[in-house]
């Protein structure tokens, strides 16, 4: 079922659009001296609820924005290619529910940045790939954990006081939950060989016949040639010839 993974322009278009939008908002903030930080999540306040939607698009400085841009480009492209039907839902629900959990458990401070969404994507891609047990998606999960496994330390308190570990933890929880809730097809390996077909019968296969029940190599017994049809010749039968003189050729005197 590898044909389900098809490249479309949205595989690159979606992450590029999303990241360019983040940079455009940051440019507006610098160009016109806007203070978008107050539109972030401020936990357990009514005004802070707006940050559930706006916080992923707000960054404090260019380093903060850059650190989120690279993972978003890679992870959104992987999500769109391998999970095209779940992409919009994962992004939408990921932003909403990770923001809501952050609003509930966060410290009394403004929480901004797209790192919560990054954790949603890492968590979803990793756990969903393991759950499918499909070799390509499992390989993707392992690649994600190798590259971004170090991010796990930032879901614990007091690793870095300036980092919203609450948003990271919320993203990790939401990504795992979405991996459980969203169903994917039953992926199967593409059948390339005869022995992979369900109807394959080893006893009829010439190669498999060279092995006994214990797996030892044996020679196939030679098939007896079919007897040829008998031919009868009557060479000993007597043949009589009779000579008759042709009188028409006699000369007259």
Protein backbone atom coordinates (compact mmCIF):
# COMPACT_ATOMS: atom_id res chain seq x y z
CA UNK A 1 0.00 0.00 0.00
CA UNK A 2 2.96 2.32 -0.60
CA UNK A 3 0.90 4.03 -3.31
CA UNK A 4 -1.00 5.83 -0.54
CA UNK A 5 2.07 7.97 0.03
CA UNK A 6 1.88 10.36 -2.89
CA UNK A 7 3.79 13.58 -3.26
CA UNK A 8 1.70 16.68 -3.90
CA UNK A 9 2.59 20.35 -3.96
CA UNK A 10 1.04 20.75 -0.53
CA UNK A 11 3.81 18.61 0.99
CA UNK A 12 6.13 21.59 0.56
CA UNK A 13 3.49 24.29 0.17
CA UNK A 14 1.85 23.81 3.57
CA UNK A 15 4.99 24.03 5.74
CA UNK A 16 6.36 26.91 3.67
CA UNK A 17 3.13 28.86 3.97
CA UNK A 18 2.90 28.24 7.71
CA UNK A 19 6.49 29.25 8.42
CA UNK A 20 6.35 32.28 6.13
CA UNK A 21 3.23 33.38 7.99
CA UNK A 22 5.16 33.22 11.27
CA UNK A 23 7.96 35.32 9.80
CA UNK A 24 5.50 37.81 8.34
CA UNK A 25 3.84 38.31 11.72
CA UNK A 26 7.24 38.74 13.35
CA UNK A 27 8.16 41.30 10.63
CA UNK A 28 4.99 43.25 11.42
CA UNK A 29 5.92 43.18 15.08
CA UNK A 30 9.37 44.63 14.37
CA UNK A 31 8.36 46.99 11.56
CA UNK A 32 5.47 48.69 13.34
CA UNK A 33 6.63 48.09 16.90
CA UNK A 34 3.62 45.98 17.78
CA UNK A 35 3.57 44.20 21.11
CA UNK A 36 1.93 40.87 20.33
CA UNK A 37 3.22 39.20 23.49
CA UNK A 38 0.14 40.29 25.41
CA UNK A 39 -1.91 38.23 22.94
CA UNK A 40 -0.25 35.07 24.23
CA UNK A 41 -1.65 32.60 26.74
CA UNK A 42 -1.94 33.97 30.24
CA UNK A 43 -3.13 31.01 32.34
CA UNK A 44 -6.49 30.99 34.11
CA UNK A 45 -7.56 34.45 32.96
CA UNK A 46 -10.37 35.25 30.59
CA UNK A 47 -8.23 37.56 28.45
CA UNK A 48 -5.56 34.88 28.32
CA UNK A 49 -7.89 32.55 26.43
CA UNK A 50 -7.17 34.42 23.19
CA UNK A 51 -3.64 33.11 23.37
CA UNK A 52 -4.88 29.57 22.72
CA UNK A 53 -5.33 30.62 19.09
CA UNK A 54 -2.76 33.41 18.76
CA UNK A 55 0.23 32.19 20.80
CA UNK A 56 1.71 29.80 18.18
CA UNK A 57 2.13 32.79 15.82
CA UNK A 58 3.91 35.04 18.32
CA UNK A 59 7.64 34.91 19.07
CA UNK A 60 9.78 36.96 21.39
CA UNK A 61 12.87 37.29 19.17
CA UNK A 62 14.39 36.05 15.94
CA UNK A 63 16.28 33.22 17.66
CA UNK A 64 13.03 31.96 19.16
CA UNK A 65 11.38 32.08 15.74
CA UNK A 66 14.31 30.40 13.97
CA UNK A 67 14.43 27.53 16.47
CA UNK A 68 10.77 26.75 15.76
CA UNK A 69 10.89 27.31 11.99
CA UNK A 70 13.24 24.45 11.05
CA UNK A 71 11.35 21.73 12.97
CA UNK A 72 8.03 23.01 11.62
CA UNK A 73 9.26 22.82 8.02
CA UNK A 74 10.43 19.22 8.45
CA UNK A 75 7.61 17.91 10.63
CA UNK A 76 4.75 19.53 8.70
CA UNK A 77 6.15 18.15 5.43
CA UNK A 78 6.40 14.65 6.96
CA UNK A 79 2.90 14.93 8.41
CA UNK A 80 1.42 16.06 5.10
CA UNK A 81 3.15 13.31 3.10
CA UNK A 82 2.55 10.34 5.39
CA UNK A 83 -0.73 11.40 7.03
CA UNK A 84 -2.47 13.62 4.45
CA UNK A 85 -6.02 12.93 5.69
CA UNK A 86 -5.15 13.74 9.30
CA UNK A 87 -2.95 16.80 8.66
CA UNK A 88 -5.49 19.60 9.10
CA UNK A 89 -7.09 17.97 12.13
CA UNK A 90 -3.73 17.36 13.83
CA UNK A 91 -2.68 20.98 13.33
CA UNK A 92 -6.05 22.46 14.34
CA UNK A 93 -6.77 20.27 17.34
CA UNK A 94 -3.11 20.31 18.29
CA UNK A 95 -3.06 24.10 18.57
CA UNK A 96 -6.39 24.31 20.41
CA UNK A 97 -5.95 21.55 22.98
CA UNK A 98 -2.26 22.12 23.69
CA UNK A 99 -3.10 25.79 24.22
CA UNK A 100 -6.01 24.93 26.49
CA UNK A 101 -3.92 22.61 28.66
CA UNK A 102 -1.23 25.27 28.87
CA UNK A 103 -3.87 27.79 29.95
CA UNK A 104 -4.91 25.39 32.73
CA UNK A 105 -1.52 24.27 34.09
CA UNK A 106 0.79 27.13 33.07
CA UNK A 107 2.64 29.53 35.33
CA UNK A 108 1.37 33.06 35.69
CA UNK A 109 3.20 34.44 32.73
CA UNK A 110 2.67 34.91 28.99
CA UNK A 111 3.25 31.71 27.01
CA UNK A 112 4.05 32.30 23.35
CA UNK A 113 5.64 30.46 20.43
CA UNK A 114 4.97 27.51 18.13
CA UNK A 115 6.99 25.05 20.21
CA UNK A 116 3.78 23.56 21.60
CA UNK A 117 2.75 22.66 18.04
CA UNK A 118 6.23 21.24 17.38
CA UNK A 119 5.77 18.90 20.34
CA UNK A 120 2.33 17.92 19.05
CA UNK A 121 3.84 16.95 15.69
CA UNK A 122 6.78 15.05 17.19
CA UNK A 123 4.50 13.15 19.55
CA UNK A 124 1.87 12.34 16.93
CA UNK A 125 4.32 11.18 14.24
CA UNK A 126 6.32 9.07 16.69
CA UNK A 127 3.46 7.31 18.46
CA UNK A 128 1.28 6.92 15.37
CA UNK A 129 4.09 5.29 13.41
CA UNK A 130 4.74 2.79 16.21
CA UNK A 131 1.02 2.00 16.45
CA UNK A 132 0.65 1.25 12.75
CA UNK A 133 3.53 -1.28 12.83
CA UNK A 134 4.11 -0.43 9.18
CA UNK A 135 7.82 -0.48 8.42
CA UNK A 136 7.98 2.89 6.65
CA UNK A 137 6.07 4.70 9.38
CA UNK A 138 8.05 2.96 12.11
CA UNK A 139 11.24 4.08 10.35
CA UNK A 140 9.85 7.63 10.30
CA UNK A 141 9.10 7.39 14.03
CA UNK A 142 12.65 6.27 14.77
CA UNK A 143 14.08 9.07 12.63
CA UNK A 144 11.98 11.63 14.51
CA UNK A 145 13.04 10.34 17.92
CA UNK A 146 16.71 10.30 16.87
CA UNK A 147 16.60 13.90 15.63
CA UNK A 148 14.22 15.39 18.21
CA UNK A 149 14.54 12.98 21.13
CA UNK A 150 16.49 15.57 23.11
CA UNK A 151 13.37 17.74 23.23
CA UNK A 152 11.95 15.38 25.85
CA UNK A 153 14.00 17.07 28.57
CA UNK A 154 12.12 20.33 28.03
CA UNK A 155 8.79 18.91 29.24
CA UNK A 156 10.11 18.90 32.83
CA UNK A 157 10.02 21.91 35.17
CA UNK A 158 13.08 24.06 35.90
CA UNK A 159 15.23 22.81 33.01
CA UNK A 160 15.13 26.35 31.71
CA UNK A 161 13.08 29.01 33.49
CA UNK A 162 12.60 30.97 30.24
CA UNK A 163 11.08 27.97 28.43
CA UNK A 164 7.38 27.13 28.69
CA UNK A 165 7.71 23.50 29.74
CA UNK A 166 3.95 23.53 30.31
CA UNK A 167 3.35 24.18 26.60
CA UNK A 168 5.80 21.43 25.66
CA UNK A 169 4.18 18.94 28.02
CA UNK A 170 0.73 19.89 26.71
CA UNK A 171 1.88 19.35 23.12
CA UNK A 172 3.34 15.94 23.99
CA UNK A 173 0.09 14.83 25.67
CA UNK A 174 -2.12 16.12 22.84
CA UNK A 175 0.02 14.52 20.12
CA UNK A 176 -0.14 11.16 21.89
CA UNK A 177 -3.92 11.47 22.34
CA UNK A 178 -4.46 12.33 18.68
CA UNK A 179 -2.33 9.35 17.66
CA UNK A 180 -4.74 7.11 19.55
CA UNK A 181 -7.94 8.80 18.37
CA UNK A 182 -7.18 9.21 14.66
CA UNK A 183 -7.46 6.00 12.69
CA UNK A 184 -5.27 5.15 9.73
CA UNK A 185 -5.62 2.37 7.11
CA UNK A 186 -4.29 -1.11 7.76
CA UNK A 187 -0.95 -0.75 6.05
CA UNK A 188 0.53 -3.85 4.44
CA UNK A 189 3.78 -4.53 2.69
CA UNK A 190 3.53 -4.52 -1.10
CA UNK A 191 3.59 -8.13 -2.40
CA UNK A 192 6.64 -8.56 -4.66
CA UNK A 193 7.34 -12.28 -4.53
CA UNK A 194 5.24 -15.37 -5.14
CA UNK A 195 5.85 -16.71 -1.63
CA UNK A 196 4.27 -13.57 -0.13
CA UNK A 197 0.86 -14.34 -1.64
CA UNK A 198 -1.66 -15.93 0.75
CA UNK A 199 -2.47 -18.68 -1.74
CA UNK A 200 1.19 -19.72 -2.10
CA UNK A 201 1.62 -23.51 -1.74
CA UNK A 202 5.22 -24.52 -0.86
CA UNK A 203 4.65 -28.12 -1.90
CA UNK A 204 4.12 -27.03 -5.50
CA UNK A 205 7.12 -24.73 -5.64
CA UNK A 206 10.22 -26.23 -7.31
CA UNK A 207 12.62 -24.40 -5.00
CA UNK A 208 10.79 -25.32 -1.80
CA UNK A 209 10.66 -28.94 -2.89
CA UNK A 210 14.44 -29.09 -2.42
CA UNK A 211 14.02 -28.87 1.36
CA UNK A 212 12.66 -31.60 3.60
CA UNK A 213 10.42 -31.06 6.61
CA UNK A 214 13.49 -30.31 8.77
CA UNK A 215 14.79 -27.66 6.39
CA UNK A 216 17.59 -29.82 4.99
CA UNK A 217 18.53 -29.45 1.36
CA UNK A 218 17.65 -32.49 -0.70
CA UNK A 219 17.71 -33.37 -4.35
CA UNK A 220 14.44 -33.61 -6.16
CA UNK A 221 13.93 -37.19 -7.37
CA UNK A 222 14.17 -37.45 -11.10
CA UNK A 223 10.92 -38.03 -12.83
CA UNK A 224 10.64 -41.31 -14.74
CA UNK A 225 10.35 -40.64 -18.48
CA UNK A 226 7.09 -41.66 -20.01
CA UNK A 227 7.35 -44.76 -22.26
CA UNK A 228 7.36 -43.94 -25.91
CA UNK A 229 4.70 -45.36 -28.20
CA UNK A 230 5.71 -48.68 -29.82
CA UNK A 231 6.23 -48.77 -33.56
CA UNK A 232 5.78 -52.01 -35.52
CA UNK A 233 7.73 -52.71 -38.69
CA UNK A 234 6.91 -55.62 -40.98
CA UNK A 235 10.38 -55.92 -42.49
CA UNK A 236 10.38 -59.74 -42.52
CA UNK A 237 7.21 -60.13 -44.54
CA UNK A 238 7.87 -61.67 -47.99
CA UNK A 239 7.14 -59.50 -51.01
CA UNK A 240 6.49 -61.15 -54.43
CA UNK A 241 7.02 -59.32 -57.70
CA UNK A 242 5.60 -60.50 -61.04
CA UNK A 243 7.15 -59.48 -64.35
CA UNK A 244 4.82 -59.04 -67.33
CA UNK A 245 6.37 -58.55 -70.71
CA UNK A 246 5.15 -55.60 -72.72
CA UNK A 247 4.38 -57.00 -76.17
CA UNK A 248 3.64 -53.69 -77.76
CA UNK A 249 7.30 -52.95 -78.06
CA UNK A 250 8.04 -56.04 -80.24
CA UNK A 251 9.45 -55.25 -83.77
CA UNK A 252 7.96 -56.70 -86.91
CA UNK A 253 9.95 -57.92 -90.00
